[in-house]
Protein backbone atom coordinates (compact mmCIF):
# COMPACT_ATOMS: atom_id res chain seq x y z
CA UNK A 1 3.30 26.17 -33.98
CA UNK A 2 6.65 24.69 -32.58
CA UNK A 3 6.07 26.61 -29.17
CA UNK A 4 2.59 24.69 -28.75
CA UNK A 5 4.32 21.37 -29.72
CA UNK A 6 6.99 22.00 -27.31
CA UNK A 7 4.46 22.93 -24.76
CA UNK A 8 2.57 19.77 -25.23
CA UNK A 9 5.50 17.45 -25.22
CA UNK A 10 6.53 19.14 -21.93
CA UNK A 11 3.17 18.70 -20.53
CA UNK A 12 3.51 14.93 -21.30
CA UNK A 13 6.81 14.32 -19.86
CA UNK A 14 5.68 16.02 -16.58
CA UNK A 15 2.95 14.03 -16.48
CA UNK A 16 4.76 10.96 -16.76
CA UNK A 17 6.93 11.76 -14.13
CA UNK A 18 4.24 12.67 -11.77
CA UNK A 19 2.55 9.11 -12.43
CA UNK A 20 6.06 7.33 -11.82
CA UNK A 21 6.77 9.06 -8.45
CA UNK A 22 3.39 8.33 -7.23
CA UNK A 23 3.88 4.82 -8.07
CA UNK A 24 6.84 4.43 -6.24
CA UNK A 25 5.78 5.90 -3.02
CA UNK A 26 5.68 3.64 0.11
CA UNK A 27 2.03 4.39 0.36
CA UNK A 28 1.25 3.36 -3.19
CA UNK A 29 3.05 0.09 -2.87
CA UNK A 30 1.33 -0.68 0.50
CA UNK A 31 -1.90 0.17 -0.99
CA UNK A 32 -1.20 -2.49 -3.84
CA UNK A 33 0.38 -5.11 -1.79
CA UNK A 34 -2.05 -7.65 -0.17
CA UNK A 35 -1.96 -7.37 3.61
CA UNK A 36 -0.19 -9.89 5.73
CA UNK A 37 -1.91 -12.04 8.13
CA UNK A 38 -0.25 -10.67 11.16
CA UNK A 39 -1.12 -6.93 10.06
CA UNK A 40 -4.80 -7.70 9.55
CA UNK A 41 -5.08 -9.43 13.16
CA UNK A 42 -3.20 -6.56 14.72
CA UNK A 43 -5.63 -4.08 12.97
CA UNK A 44 -8.81 -6.35 13.93
CA UNK A 45 -7.34 -6.36 17.61
CA UNK A 46 -6.82 -2.74 17.75
CA UNK A 47 -10.38 -2.08 16.24
CA UNK A 48 -12.08 -4.12 18.97
CA UNK A 49 -13.20 -7.00 16.56
CA UNK A 50 -11.67 -9.54 18.67
CA UNK A 51 -10.36 -9.78 22.35
CA UNK A 52 -6.92 -10.37 23.36
CA UNK A 53 -7.48 -14.18 23.92
CA UNK A 54 -8.45 -14.76 20.33
CA UNK A 55 -5.64 -12.27 19.34
CA UNK A 56 -2.94 -14.45 21.11
CA UNK A 57 -4.63 -17.55 19.88
CA UNK A 58 -4.50 -16.68 16.27
CA UNK A 59 -1.21 -14.92 16.47
CA UNK A 60 0.20 -17.86 17.70
CA UNK A 61 -1.08 -20.14 14.99
CA UNK A 62 0.36 -17.73 12.36
CA UNK A 63 3.68 -18.04 14.00
CA UNK A 64 3.96 -21.92 13.97
CA UNK A 65 5.48 -23.46 10.98
CA UNK A 66 3.12 -25.93 9.34
């Protein structure tokens, strides 16, 4: 009986460690954090959704201090 409880406790500890480690990876943080406007703009330009002129115009607008 003690061996089963020890095995169960070990399984819970290992599961908790894995959850914590996966939550602290850069990928997990990037997925959880909202995208920055400039990053969205770069992806849209790279995907061909907007042309160079639109990209530069919008990037200029994001760079200005309002």
